[in-house]
């Protein structure tokens, strides 16, 4: 999904070990505040 024109530049992807990354996603999404809409946050809190 790199925008047209920038797709010719050097691309670097940031890697993190899968278990720590998913563990961080899980905990971060349980405590996130101020992002998205109230309805989105409510759905997310229920999902986690």
ModelCIF file with pLDDT and N, C-alpha, C, O atoms, coordinates in Angstrom:
data_MODEL
#
_entry.id   MODEL 
#
_entity.id                         1 
_entity.type                       polymer 
_entity.pdbx_number_of_molecules   1 
#
_entity_poly.entity_id                      1 
_entity_poly.type                           'polypeptide(L)' 
_entity_poly.nstd_linkage                   no 
_entity_poly.nstd_monomer                   no 
_entity_poly.pdbx_seq_one_letter_code       
;(UNK)(UNK)(UNK)(UNK)(UNK)(UNK)(UNK)(UNK)(UNK)(UNK)(UNK)(UNK)(UNK)(UNK)(UNK)(UNK)
(UNK)(UNK)(UNK)(UNK)(UNK)(UNK)(UNK)(UNK)(UNK)(UNK)(UNK)(UNK)(UNK)(UNK)(UNK)(UNK)
(UNK)(UNK)(UNK)(UNK)(UNK)(UNK)(UNK)(UNK)(UNK)(UNK)(UNK)(UNK)(UNK)(UNK)(UNK)(UNK)
;
_entity_poly.pdbx_seq_one_letter_code_can   XXXXXXXXXXXXXXXXXXXXXXXXXXXXXXXXXXXXXXXXXXXXXXXX 
_entity_poly.pdbx_strand_id                 A 
#
loop_
_entity_poly_seq.entity_id 
_entity_poly_seq.num 
_entity_poly_seq.mon_id 
_entity_poly_seq.hetero 
1 1  UNK n 
1 2  UNK n 
1 3  UNK n 
1 4  UNK n 
1 5  UNK n 
1 6  UNK n 
1 7  UNK n 
1 8  UNK n 
1 9  UNK n 
1 10 UNK n 
1 11 UNK n 
1 12 UNK n 
1 13 UNK n 
1 14 UNK n 
1 15 UNK n 
1 16 UNK n 
1 17 UNK n 
1 18 UNK n 
1 19 UNK n 
1 20 UNK n 
1 21 UNK n 
1 22 UNK n 
1 23 UNK n 
1 24 UNK n 
1 25 UNK n 
1 26 UNK n 
1 27 UNK n 
1 28 UNK n 
1 29 UNK n 
1 30 UNK n 
1 31 UNK n 
1 32 UNK n 
1 33 UNK n 
1 34 UNK n 
1 35 UNK n 
1 36 UNK n 
1 37 UNK n 
1 38 UNK n 
1 39 UNK n 
1 40 UNK n 
1 41 UNK n 
1 42 UNK n 
1 43 UNK n 
1 44 UNK n 
1 45 UNK n 
1 46 UNK n 
1 47 UNK n 
1 48 UNK n 
#
_struct_asym.id          A 
_struct_asym.entity_id   1 
#
loop_
_ma_qa_metric.id 
_ma_qa_metric.mode 
_ma_qa_metric.name 
_ma_qa_metric.software_group_id 
_ma_qa_metric.type 
1 global pLDDT . pLDDT 
2 local  pLDDT . pLDDT 
#
_ma_qa_metric_global.metric_id      1 
_ma_qa_metric_global.metric_value   88.21 
_ma_qa_metric_global.model_id       1 
_ma_qa_metric_global.ordinal_id     1 
#
loop_
_ma_qa_metric_local.label_asym_id 
_ma_qa_metric_local.label_comp_id 
_ma_qa_metric_local.label_seq_id 
_ma_qa_metric_local.metric_id 
_ma_qa_metric_local.metric_value 
_ma_qa_metric_local.model_id 
_ma_qa_metric_local.ordinal_id 
A UNK 1  2 96.00 1 1  
A UNK 2  2 97.00 1 2  
A UNK 3  2 96.00 1 3  
A UNK 4  2 96.00 1 4  
A UNK 5  2 95.00 1 5  
A UNK 6  2 97.00 1 6  
A UNK 7  2 95.00 1 7  
A UNK 8  2 95.00 1 8  
A UNK 9  2 97.00 1 9  
A UNK 10 2 97.00 1 10 
A UNK 11 2 98.00 1 11 
A UNK 12 2 98.00 1 12 
A UNK 13 2 97.00 1 13 
A UNK 14 2 97.00 1 14 
A UNK 15 2 97.00 1 15 
A UNK 16 2 96.00 1 16 
A UNK 17 2 96.00 1 17 
A UNK 18 2 97.00 1 18 
A UNK 19 2 97.00 1 19 
A UNK 20 2 96.00 1 20 
A UNK 21 2 96.00 1 21 
A UNK 22 2 97.00 1 22 
A UNK 23 2 96.00 1 23 
A UNK 24 2 94.00 1 24 
A UNK 25 2 93.00 1 25 
A UNK 26 2 93.00 1 26 
A UNK 27 2 91.00 1 27 
A UNK 28 2 88.00 1 28 
A UNK 29 2 85.00 1 29 
A UNK 30 2 84.00 1 30 
A UNK 31 2 80.00 1 31 
A UNK 32 2 73.00 1 32 
A UNK 33 2 71.00 1 33 
A UNK 34 2 65.00 1 34 
A UNK 35 2 67.00 1 35 
A UNK 36 2 66.00 1 36 
A UNK 37 2 71.00 1 37 
A UNK 38 2 76.00 1 38 
A UNK 39 2 76.00 1 39 
A UNK 40 2 76.00 1 40 
A UNK 41 2 77.00 1 41 
A UNK 42 2 81.00 1 42 
A UNK 43 2 81.00 1 43 
A UNK 44 2 82.00 1 44 
A UNK 45 2 84.00 1 45 
A UNK 46 2 87.00 1 46 
A UNK 47 2 86.00 1 47 
A UNK 48 2 88.00 1 48 
#
loop_
_atom_site.group_PDB 
_atom_site.id 
_atom_site.type_symbol 
_atom_site.label_atom_id 
_atom_site.label_alt_id 
_atom_site.label_comp_id 
_atom_site.label_asym_id 
_atom_site.label_entity_id 
_atom_site.label_seq_id 
_atom_site.pdbx_PDB_ins_code 
_atom_site.Cartn_x 
_atom_site.Cartn_y 
_atom_site.Cartn_z 
_atom_site.occupancy 
_atom_site.B_iso_or_equiv 
_atom_site.pdbx_formal_charge 
_atom_site.auth_seq_id 
_atom_site.auth_comp_id 
_atom_site.auth_asym_id 
_atom_site.auth_atom_id 
_atom_site.pdbx_PDB_model_num 
ATOM 1   N N  . UNK A 1 1  ? 0.805   -1.217  0.000  1.00 96.00 ? 1  UNK A N  1 
ATOM 2   C CA . UNK A 1 1  ? 0.000   0.000   0.000  1.00 96.00 ? 1  UNK A CA 1 
ATOM 3   C C  . UNK A 1 1  ? 0.837   1.266   0.000  1.00 96.00 ? 1  UNK A C  1 
ATOM 4   O O  . UNK A 1 1  ? 0.311   2.351   0.243  1.00 96.00 ? 1  UNK A O  1 
ATOM 5   N N  . UNK A 1 2  ? 2.143   1.146   -0.271 1.00 97.00 ? 2  UNK A N  1 
ATOM 6   C CA . UNK A 1 2  ? 2.994   2.341   -0.366 1.00 97.00 ? 2  UNK A CA 1 
ATOM 7   C C  . UNK A 1 2  ? 2.454   3.222   -1.492 1.00 97.00 ? 2  UNK A C  1 
ATOM 8   O O  . UNK A 1 2  ? 2.239   2.732   -2.600 1.00 97.00 ? 2  UNK A O  1 
ATOM 9   N N  . UNK A 1 3  ? 2.230   4.515   -1.230 1.00 96.00 ? 3  UNK A N  1 
ATOM 10  C CA . UNK A 1 3  ? 1.667   5.395   -2.262 1.00 96.00 ? 3  UNK A CA 1 
ATOM 11  C C  . UNK A 1 3  ? 2.519   5.422   -3.527 1.00 96.00 ? 3  UNK A C  1 
ATOM 12  O O  . UNK A 1 3  ? 3.742   5.292   -3.478 1.00 96.00 ? 3  UNK A O  1 
ATOM 13  N N  . UNK A 1 4  ? 1.846   5.593   -4.651 1.00 96.00 ? 4  UNK A N  1 
ATOM 14  C CA . UNK A 1 4  ? 2.513   5.668   -5.950 1.00 96.00 ? 4  UNK A CA 1 
ATOM 15  C C  . UNK A 1 4  ? 3.585   6.757   -5.924 1.00 96.00 ? 4  UNK A C  1 
ATOM 16  O O  . UNK A 1 4  ? 3.375   7.847   -5.391 1.00 96.00 ? 4  UNK A O  1 
ATOM 17  N N  . UNK A 1 5  ? 4.710   6.441   -6.498 1.00 95.00 ? 5  UNK A N  1 
ATOM 18  C CA . UNK A 1 5  ? 5.834   7.374   -6.541 1.00 95.00 ? 5  UNK A CA 1 
ATOM 19  C C  . UNK A 1 5  ? 6.852   7.080   -5.470 1.00 95.00 ? 5  UNK A C  1 
ATOM 20  O O  . UNK A 1 5  ? 8.057   7.124   -5.720 1.00 95.00 ? 5  UNK A O  1 
ATOM 21  N N  . UNK A 1 6  ? 6.372   6.776   -4.267 1.00 97.00 ? 6  UNK A N  1 
ATOM 22  C CA . UNK A 1 6  ? 7.276   6.443   -3.169 1.00 97.00 ? 6  UNK A CA 1 
ATOM 23  C C  . UNK A 1 6  ? 7.639   4.958   -3.189 1.00 97.00 ? 6  UNK A C  1 
ATOM 24  O O  . UNK A 1 6  ? 8.518   4.515   -2.450 1.00 97.00 ? 6  UNK A O  1 
ATOM 25  N N  . UNK A 1 7  ? 6.961   4.203   -4.034 1.00 95.00 ? 7  UNK A N  1 
ATOM 26  C CA . UNK A 1 7  ? 7.205   2.760   -4.078 1.00 95.00 ? 7  UNK A CA 1 
ATOM 27  C C  . UNK A 1 7  ? 8.559   2.414   -4.707 1.00 95.00 ? 7  UNK A C  1 
ATOM 28  O O  . UNK A 1 7  ? 8.955   1.248   -4.707 1.00 95.00 ? 7  UNK A O  1 
ATOM 29  N N  . UNK A 1 8  ? 9.270   3.405   -5.241 1.00 95.00 ? 8  UNK A N  1 
ATOM 30  C CA . UNK A 1 8  ? 10.603  3.170   -5.818 1.00 95.00 ? 8  UNK A CA 1 
ATOM 31  C C  . UNK A 1 8  ? 11.711  3.384   -4.787 1.00 95.00 ? 8  UNK A C  1 
ATOM 32  O O  . UNK A 1 8  ? 12.867  3.042   -5.033 1.00 95.00 ? 8  UNK A O  1 
ATOM 33  N N  . UNK A 1 9  ? 11.359  3.942   -3.650 1.00 97.00 ? 9  UNK A N  1 
ATOM 34  C CA . UNK A 1 9  ? 12.353  4.208   -2.618 1.00 97.00 ? 9  UNK A CA 1 
ATOM 35  C C  . UNK A 1 9  ? 12.649  2.966   -1.793 1.00 97.00 ? 9  UNK A C  1 
ATOM 36  O O  . UNK A 1 9  ? 11.904  1.987   -1.818 1.00 97.00 ? 9  UNK A O  1 
ATOM 37  N N  . UNK A 1 10 ? 13.739  3.030   -1.072 1.00 97.00 ? 10 UNK A N  1 
ATOM 38  C CA . UNK A 1 10 ? 14.125  1.941   -0.162 1.00 97.00 ? 10 UNK A CA 1 
ATOM 39  C C  . UNK A 1 10 ? 13.002  1.729   0.859  1.00 97.00 ? 10 UNK A C  1 
ATOM 40  O O  . UNK A 1 10 ? 12.477  2.686   1.427  1.00 97.00 ? 10 UNK A O  1 
ATOM 41  N N  . UNK A 1 11 ? 12.647  0.469   1.079  1.00 98.00 ? 11 UNK A N  1 
ATOM 42  C CA . UNK A 1 11 ? 11.608  0.134   2.050  1.00 98.00 ? 11 UNK A CA 1 
ATOM 43  C C  . UNK A 1 11 ? 12.204  -0.733  3.153  1.00 98.00 ? 11 UNK A C  1 
ATOM 44  O O  . UNK A 1 11 ? 12.885  -1.723  2.886  1.00 98.00 ? 11 UNK A O  1 
ATOM 45  N N  . UNK A 1 12 ? 11.939  -0.346  4.387  1.00 98.00 ? 12 UNK A N  1 
ATOM 46  C CA . UNK A 1 12 ? 12.376  -1.116  5.543  1.00 98.00 ? 12 UNK A CA 1 
ATOM 47  C C  . UNK A 1 12 ? 11.152  -1.459  6.379  1.00 98.00 ? 12 UNK A C  1 
ATOM 48  O O  . UNK A 1 12 ? 10.348  -0.587  6.710  1.00 98.00 ? 12 UNK A O  1 
ATOM 49  N N  . UNK A 1 13 ? 11.020  -2.728  6.714  1.00 97.00 ? 13 UNK A N  1 
ATOM 50  C CA . UNK A 1 13 ? 9.932   -3.180  7.568  1.00 97.00 ? 13 UNK A CA 1 
ATOM 51  C C  . UNK A 1 13 ? 10.448  -3.479  8.956  1.00 97.00 ? 13 UNK A C  1 
ATOM 52  O O  . UNK A 1 13 ? 11.495  -4.107  9.112  1.00 97.00 ? 13 UNK A O  1 
ATOM 53  N N  . UNK A 1 14 ? 9.715   -3.029  9.977  1.00 97.00 ? 14 UNK A N  1 
ATOM 54  C CA . UNK A 1 14 ? 10.137  -3.220  11.361 1.00 97.00 ? 14 UNK A CA 1 
ATOM 55  C C  . UNK A 1 14 ? 9.599   -4.558  11.873 1.00 97.00 ? 14 UNK A C  1 
ATOM 56  O O  . UNK A 1 14 ? 8.393   -4.807  11.866 1.00 97.00 ? 14 UNK A O  1 
ATOM 57  N N  . UNK A 1 15 ? 10.520  -5.406  12.314 1.00 97.00 ? 15 UNK A N  1 
ATOM 58  C CA . UNK A 1 15 ? 10.176  -6.757  12.770 1.00 97.00 ? 15 UNK A CA 1 
ATOM 59  C C  . UNK A 1 15 ? 10.234  -6.848  14.288 1.00 97.00 ? 15 UNK A C  1 
ATOM 60  O O  . UNK A 1 15 ? 11.116  -6.281  14.932 1.00 97.00 ? 15 UNK A O  1 
ATOM 61  N N  . UNK A 1 16 ? 9.269   -7.576  14.841 1.00 96.00 ? 16 UNK A N  1 
ATOM 62  C CA . UNK A 1 16 ? 9.270   -7.889  16.274 1.00 96.00 ? 16 UNK A CA 1 
ATOM 63  C C  . UNK A 1 16 ? 8.853   -9.338  16.437 1.00 96.00 ? 16 UNK A C  1 
ATOM 64  O O  . UNK A 1 16 ? 8.011   -9.835  15.689 1.00 96.00 ? 16 UNK A O  1 
ATOM 65  N N  . UNK A 1 17 ? 9.435   -10.013 17.407 1.00 96.00 ? 17 UNK A N  1 
ATOM 66  C CA . UNK A 1 17 ? 9.089   -11.414 17.645 1.00 96.00 ? 17 UNK A CA 1 
ATOM 67  C C  . UNK A 1 17 ? 7.582   -11.549 17.827 1.00 96.00 ? 17 UNK A C  1 
ATOM 68  O O  . UNK A 1 17 ? 6.958   -10.681 18.438 1.00 96.00 ? 17 UNK A O  1 
ATOM 69  N N  . UNK A 1 18 ? 6.985   -12.626 17.306 1.00 97.00 ? 18 UNK A N  1 
ATOM 70  C CA . UNK A 1 18 ? 5.521   -12.728 17.291 1.00 97.00 ? 18 UNK A CA 1 
ATOM 71  C C  . UNK A 1 18 ? 4.857   -12.772 18.657 1.00 97.00 ? 18 UNK A C  1 
ATOM 72  O O  . UNK A 1 18 ? 3.859   -12.084 18.868 1.00 97.00 ? 18 UNK A O  1 
ATOM 73  N N  . UNK A 1 19 ? 5.381   -13.563 19.596 1.00 97.00 ? 19 UNK A N  1 
ATOM 74  C CA . UNK A 1 19 ? 4.698   -13.658 20.892 1.00 97.00 ? 19 UNK A CA 1 
ATOM 75  C C  . UNK A 1 19 ? 4.747   -12.328 21.648 1.00 97.00 ? 19 UNK A C  1 
ATOM 76  O O  . UNK A 1 19 ? 3.701   -11.866 22.104 1.00 97.00 ? 19 UNK A O  1 
ATOM 77  N N  . UNK A 1 20 ? 5.916   -11.689 21.802 1.00 96.00 ? 20 UNK A N  1 
ATOM 78  C CA . UNK A 1 20 ? 5.920   -10.377 22.461 1.00 96.00 ? 20 UNK A CA 1 
ATOM 79  C C  . UNK A 1 20 ? 5.071   -9.326  21.743 1.00 96.00 ? 20 UNK A C  1 
ATOM 80  O O  . UNK A 1 20 ? 4.435   -8.498  22.395 1.00 96.00 ? 20 UNK A O  1 
ATOM 81  N N  . UNK A 1 21 ? 5.055   -9.349  20.416 1.00 96.00 ? 21 UNK A N  1 
ATOM 82  C CA . UNK A 1 21 ? 4.235   -8.356  19.687 1.00 96.00 ? 21 UNK A CA 1 
ATOM 83  C C  . UNK A 1 21 ? 2.765   -8.571  19.957 1.00 96.00 ? 21 UNK A C  1 
ATOM 84  O O  . UNK A 1 21 ? 2.050   -7.615  20.259 1.00 96.00 ? 21 UNK A O  1 
ATOM 85  N N  . UNK A 1 22 ? 2.295   -9.801  19.855 1.00 97.00 ? 22 UNK A N  1 
ATOM 86  C CA . UNK A 1 22 ? 0.885   -10.088 20.084 1.00 97.00 ? 22 UNK A CA 1 
ATOM 87  C C  . UNK A 1 22 ? 0.502   -9.852  21.543 1.00 97.00 ? 22 UNK A C  1 
ATOM 88  O O  . UNK A 1 22 ? -0.602  -9.388  21.826 1.00 97.00 ? 22 UNK A O  1 
ATOM 89  N N  . UNK A 1 23 ? 1.396   -10.166 22.458 1.00 96.00 ? 23 UNK A N  1 
ATOM 90  C CA . UNK A 1 23 ? 1.184   -9.895  23.877 1.00 96.00 ? 23 UNK A CA 1 
ATOM 91  C C  . UNK A 1 23 ? 1.021   -8.389  24.096 1.00 96.00 ? 23 UNK A C  1 
ATOM 92  O O  . UNK A 1 23 ? 0.169   -7.964  24.876 1.00 96.00 ? 23 UNK A O  1 
ATOM 93  N N  . UNK A 1 24 ? 1.835   -7.583  23.412 1.00 94.00 ? 24 UNK A N  1 
ATOM 94  C CA . UNK A 1 24 ? 1.751   -6.132  23.517 1.00 94.00 ? 24 UNK A CA 1 
ATOM 95  C C  . UNK A 1 24 ? 0.451   -5.608  22.906 1.00 94.00 ? 24 UNK A C  1 
ATOM 96  O O  . UNK A 1 24 ? -0.187  -4.721  23.473 1.00 94.00 ? 24 UNK A O  1 
ATOM 97  N N  . UNK A 1 25 ? 0.059   -6.152  21.753 1.00 93.00 ? 25 UNK A N  1 
ATOM 98  C CA . UNK A 1 25 ? -1.224  -5.776  21.138 1.00 93.00 ? 25 UNK A CA 1 
ATOM 99  C C  . UNK A 1 25 ? -2.362  -6.039  22.128 1.00 93.00 ? 25 UNK A C  1 
ATOM 100 O O  . UNK A 1 25 ? -3.216  -5.181  22.350 1.00 93.00 ? 25 UNK A O  1 
ATOM 101 N N  . UNK A 1 26 ? -2.359  -7.220  22.709 1.00 93.00 ? 26 UNK A N  1 
ATOM 102 C CA . UNK A 1 26 ? -3.408  -7.655  23.637 1.00 93.00 ? 26 UNK A CA 1 
ATOM 103 C C  . UNK A 1 26 ? -3.502  -6.695  24.827 1.00 93.00 ? 26 UNK A C  1 
ATOM 104 O O  . UNK A 1 26 ? -4.599  -6.252  25.165 1.00 93.00 ? 26 UNK A O  1 
ATOM 105 N N  . UNK A 1 27 ? -2.393  -6.370  25.456 1.00 91.00 ? 27 UNK A N  1 
ATOM 106 C CA . UNK A 1 27 ? -2.426  -5.502  26.635 1.00 91.00 ? 27 UNK A CA 1 
ATOM 107 C C  . UNK A 1 27 ? -2.691  -4.048  26.266 1.00 91.00 ? 27 UNK A C  1 
ATOM 108 O O  . UNK A 1 27 ? -3.418  -3.350  26.973 1.00 91.00 ? 27 UNK A O  1 
ATOM 109 N N  . UNK A 1 28 ? -2.111  -3.591  25.171 1.00 88.00 ? 28 UNK A N  1 
ATOM 110 C CA . UNK A 1 28 ? -2.331  -2.203  24.765 1.00 88.00 ? 28 UNK A CA 1 
ATOM 111 C C  . UNK A 1 28 ? -3.814  -1.940  24.476 1.00 88.00 ? 28 UNK A C  1 
ATOM 112 O O  . UNK A 1 28 ? -4.353  -0.908  24.877 1.00 88.00 ? 28 UNK A O  1 
ATOM 113 N N  . UNK A 1 29 ? -4.457  -2.858  23.794 1.00 85.00 ? 29 UNK A N  1 
ATOM 114 C CA . UNK A 1 29 ? -5.847  -2.664  23.395 1.00 85.00 ? 29 UNK A CA 1 
ATOM 115 C C  . UNK A 1 29 ? -6.815  -2.764  24.578 1.00 85.00 ? 29 UNK A C  1 
ATOM 116 O O  . UNK A 1 29 ? -7.970  -2.352  24.460 1.00 85.00 ? 29 UNK A O  1 
ATOM 117 N N  . UNK A 1 30 ? -6.372  -3.294  25.693 1.00 84.00 ? 30 UNK A N  1 
ATOM 118 C CA . UNK A 1 30 ? -7.207  -3.329  26.890 1.00 84.00 ? 30 UNK A CA 1 
ATOM 119 C C  . UNK A 1 30 ? -7.198  -1.993  27.621 1.00 84.00 ? 30 UNK A C  1 
ATOM 120 O O  . UNK A 1 30 ? -8.079  -1.725  28.438 1.00 84.00 ? 30 UNK A O  1 
ATOM 121 N N  . UNK A 1 31 ? -6.212  -1.159  27.335 1.00 80.00 ? 31 UNK A N  1 
ATOM 122 C CA . UNK A 1 31 ? -6.050  0.076   28.105 1.00 80.00 ? 31 UNK A CA 1 
ATOM 123 C C  . UNK A 1 31 ? -6.088  1.342   27.253 1.00 80.00 ? 31 UNK A C  1 
ATOM 124 O O  . UNK A 1 31 ? -5.971  2.446   27.784 1.00 80.00 ? 31 UNK A O  1 
ATOM 125 N N  . UNK A 1 32 ? -6.248  1.195   25.945 1.00 73.00 ? 32 UNK A N  1 
ATOM 126 C CA . UNK A 1 32 ? -6.179  2.365   25.065 1.00 73.00 ? 32 UNK A CA 1 
ATOM 127 C C  . UNK A 1 32 ? -7.293  3.355   25.393 1.00 73.00 ? 32 UNK A C  1 
ATOM 128 O O  . UNK A 1 32 ? -8.434  2.964   25.638 1.00 73.00 ? 32 UNK A O  1 
ATOM 129 N N  . UNK A 1 33 ? -6.948  4.640   25.393 1.00 71.00 ? 33 UNK A N  1 
ATOM 130 C CA . UNK A 1 33 ? -7.923  5.702   25.658 1.00 71.00 ? 33 UNK A CA 1 
ATOM 131 C C  . UNK A 1 33 ? -7.746  6.810   24.632 1.00 71.00 ? 33 UNK A C  1 
ATOM 132 O O  . UNK A 1 33 ? -6.632  7.086   24.186 1.00 71.00 ? 33 UNK A O  1 
ATOM 133 N N  . UNK A 1 34 ? -8.843  7.434   24.266 1.00 65.00 ? 34 UNK A N  1 
ATOM 134 C CA . UNK A 1 34 ? -8.775  8.605   23.407 1.00 65.00 ? 34 UNK A CA 1 
ATOM 135 C C  . UNK A 1 34 ? -8.596  8.338   21.926 1.00 65.00 ? 34 UNK A C  1 
ATOM 136 O O  . UNK A 1 34 ? -8.484  9.286   21.148 1.00 65.00 ? 34 UNK A O  1 
ATOM 137 N N  . UNK A 1 35 ? -8.566  7.068   21.505 1.00 67.00 ? 35 UNK A N  1 
ATOM 138 C CA . UNK A 1 35 ? -8.424  6.753   20.092 1.00 67.00 ? 35 UNK A CA 1 
ATOM 139 C C  . UNK A 1 35 ? -9.750  6.245   19.530 1.00 67.00 ? 35 UNK A C  1 
ATOM 140 O O  . UNK A 1 35 ? -10.548 5.640   20.247 1.00 67.00 ? 35 UNK A O  1 
ATOM 141 N N  . UNK A 1 36 ? -9.973  6.495   18.250 1.00 66.00 ? 36 UNK A N  1 
ATOM 142 C CA . UNK A 1 36 ? -11.183 6.009   17.601 1.00 66.00 ? 36 UNK A CA 1 
ATOM 143 C C  . UNK A 1 36 ? -12.444 6.604   18.201 1.00 66.00 ? 36 UNK A C  1 
ATOM 144 O O  . UNK A 1 36 ? -12.392 7.584   18.945 1.00 66.00 ? 36 UNK A O  1 
ATOM 145 N N  . UNK A 1 37 ? -13.569 6.005   17.871 1.00 71.00 ? 37 UNK A N  1 
ATOM 146 C CA . UNK A 1 37 ? -14.848 6.460   18.412 1.00 71.00 ? 37 UNK A CA 1 
ATOM 147 C C  . UNK A 1 37 ? -15.185 5.675   19.665 1.00 71.00 ? 37 UNK A C  1 
ATOM 148 O O  . UNK A 1 37 ? -14.577 4.639   19.935 1.00 71.00 ? 37 UNK A O  1 
ATOM 149 N N  . UNK A 1 38 ? -16.147 6.158   20.429 1.00 76.00 ? 38 UNK A N  1 
ATOM 150 C CA . UNK A 1 38 ? -16.573 5.461   21.644 1.00 76.00 ? 38 UNK A CA 1 
ATOM 151 C C  . UNK A 1 38 ? -17.115 4.071   21.301 1.00 76.00 ? 38 UNK A C  1 
ATOM 152 O O  . UNK A 1 38 ? -16.882 3.113   22.038 1.00 76.00 ? 38 UNK A O  1 
ATOM 153 N N  . UNK A 1 39 ? -17.834 3.963   20.186 1.00 76.00 ? 39 UNK A N  1 
ATOM 154 C CA . UNK A 1 39 ? -18.376 2.660   19.787 1.00 76.00 ? 39 UNK A CA 1 
ATOM 155 C C  . UNK A 1 39 ? -17.270 1.680   19.445 1.00 76.00 ? 39 UNK A C  1 
ATOM 156 O O  . UNK A 1 39 ? -17.350 0.502   19.796 1.00 76.00 ? 39 UNK A O  1 
ATOM 157 N N  . UNK A 1 40 ? -16.225 2.164   18.755 1.00 76.00 ? 40 UNK A N  1 
ATOM 158 C CA . UNK A 1 40 ? -15.084 1.302   18.411 1.00 76.00 ? 40 UNK A CA 1 
ATOM 159 C C  . UNK A 1 40 ? -14.362 0.839   19.661 1.00 76.00 ? 40 UNK A C  1 
ATOM 160 O O  . UNK A 1 40 ? -14.004 -0.333  19.779 1.00 76.00 ? 40 UNK A O  1 
ATOM 161 N N  . UNK A 1 41 ? -14.143 1.766   20.604 1.00 77.00 ? 41 UNK A N  1 
ATOM 162 C CA . UNK A 1 41 ? -13.456 1.404   21.849 1.00 77.00 ? 41 UNK A CA 1 
ATOM 163 C C  . UNK A 1 41 ? -14.267 0.381   22.641 1.00 77.00 ? 41 UNK A C  1 
ATOM 164 O O  . UNK A 1 41 ? -13.702 -0.543  23.226 1.00 77.00 ? 41 UNK A O  1 
ATOM 165 N N  . UNK A 1 42 ? -15.572 0.542   22.660 1.00 81.00 ? 42 UNK A N  1 
ATOM 166 C CA . UNK A 1 42 ? -16.421 -0.410  23.390 1.00 81.00 ? 42 UNK A CA 1 
ATOM 167 C C  . UNK A 1 42 ? -16.324 -1.803  22.768 1.00 81.00 ? 42 UNK A C  1 
ATOM 168 O O  . UNK A 1 42 ? -16.212 -2.795  23.487 1.00 81.00 ? 42 UNK A O  1 
ATOM 169 N N  . UNK A 1 43 ? -16.365 -1.881  21.442 1.00 81.00 ? 43 UNK A N  1 
ATOM 170 C CA . UNK A 1 43 ? -16.232 -3.182  20.770 1.00 81.00 ? 43 UNK A CA 1 
ATOM 171 C C  . UNK A 1 43 ? -14.868 -3.797  21.043 1.00 81.00 ? 43 UNK A C  1 
ATOM 172 O O  . UNK A 1 43 ? -14.746 -5.005  21.247 1.00 81.00 ? 43 UNK A O  1 
ATOM 173 N N  . UNK A 1 44 ? -13.836 -2.944  21.045 1.00 82.00 ? 44 UNK A N  1 
ATOM 174 C CA . UNK A 1 44 ? -12.496 -3.444  21.267 1.00 82.00 ? 44 UNK A CA 1 
ATOM 175 C C  . UNK A 1 44 ? -12.338 -3.983  22.688 1.00 82.00 ? 44 UNK A C  1 
ATOM 176 O O  . UNK A 1 44 ? -11.781 -5.063  22.883 1.00 82.00 ? 44 UNK A O  1 
ATOM 177 N N  . UNK A 1 45 ? -12.824 -3.239  23.674 1.00 84.00 ? 45 UNK A N  1 
ATOM 178 C CA . UNK A 1 45 ? -12.694 -3.696  25.050 1.00 84.00 ? 45 UNK A CA 1 
ATOM 179 C C  . UNK A 1 45 ? -13.399 -5.034  25.249 1.00 84.00 ? 45 UNK A C  1 
ATOM 180 O O  . UNK A 1 45 ? -12.899 -5.894  25.974 1.00 84.00 ? 45 UNK A O  1 
ATOM 181 N N  . UNK A 1 46 ? -14.549 -5.216  24.616 1.00 87.00 ? 46 UNK A N  1 
ATOM 182 C CA . UNK A 1 46 ? -15.259 -6.493  24.716 1.00 87.00 ? 46 UNK A CA 1 
ATOM 183 C C  . UNK A 1 46 ? -14.465 -7.611  24.052 1.00 87.00 ? 46 UNK A C  1 
ATOM 184 O O  . UNK A 1 46 ? -14.406 -8.727  24.569 1.00 87.00 ? 46 UNK A O  1 
ATOM 185 N N  . UNK A 1 47 ? -13.854 -7.311  22.904 1.00 86.00 ? 47 UNK A N  1 
ATOM 186 C CA . UNK A 1 47 ? -13.099 -8.326  22.172 1.00 86.00 ? 47 UNK A CA 1 
ATOM 187 C C  . UNK A 1 47 ? -11.858 -8.776  22.929 1.00 86.00 ? 47 UNK A C  1 
ATOM 188 O O  . UNK A 1 47 ? -11.401 -9.906  22.758 1.00 86.00 ? 47 UNK A O  1 
ATOM 189 N N  . UNK A 1 48 ? -11.307 -7.890  23.772 1.00 88.00 ? 48 UNK A N  1 
ATOM 190 C CA . UNK A 1 48 ? -10.070 -8.210  24.478 1.00 88.00 ? 48 UNK A CA 1 
ATOM 191 C C  . UNK A 1 48 ? -10.320 -8.615  25.935 1.00 88.00 ? 48 UNK A C  1 
ATOM 192 O O  . UNK A 1 48 ? -9.374  -8.915  26.663 1.00 88.00 ? 48 UNK A O  1 
#
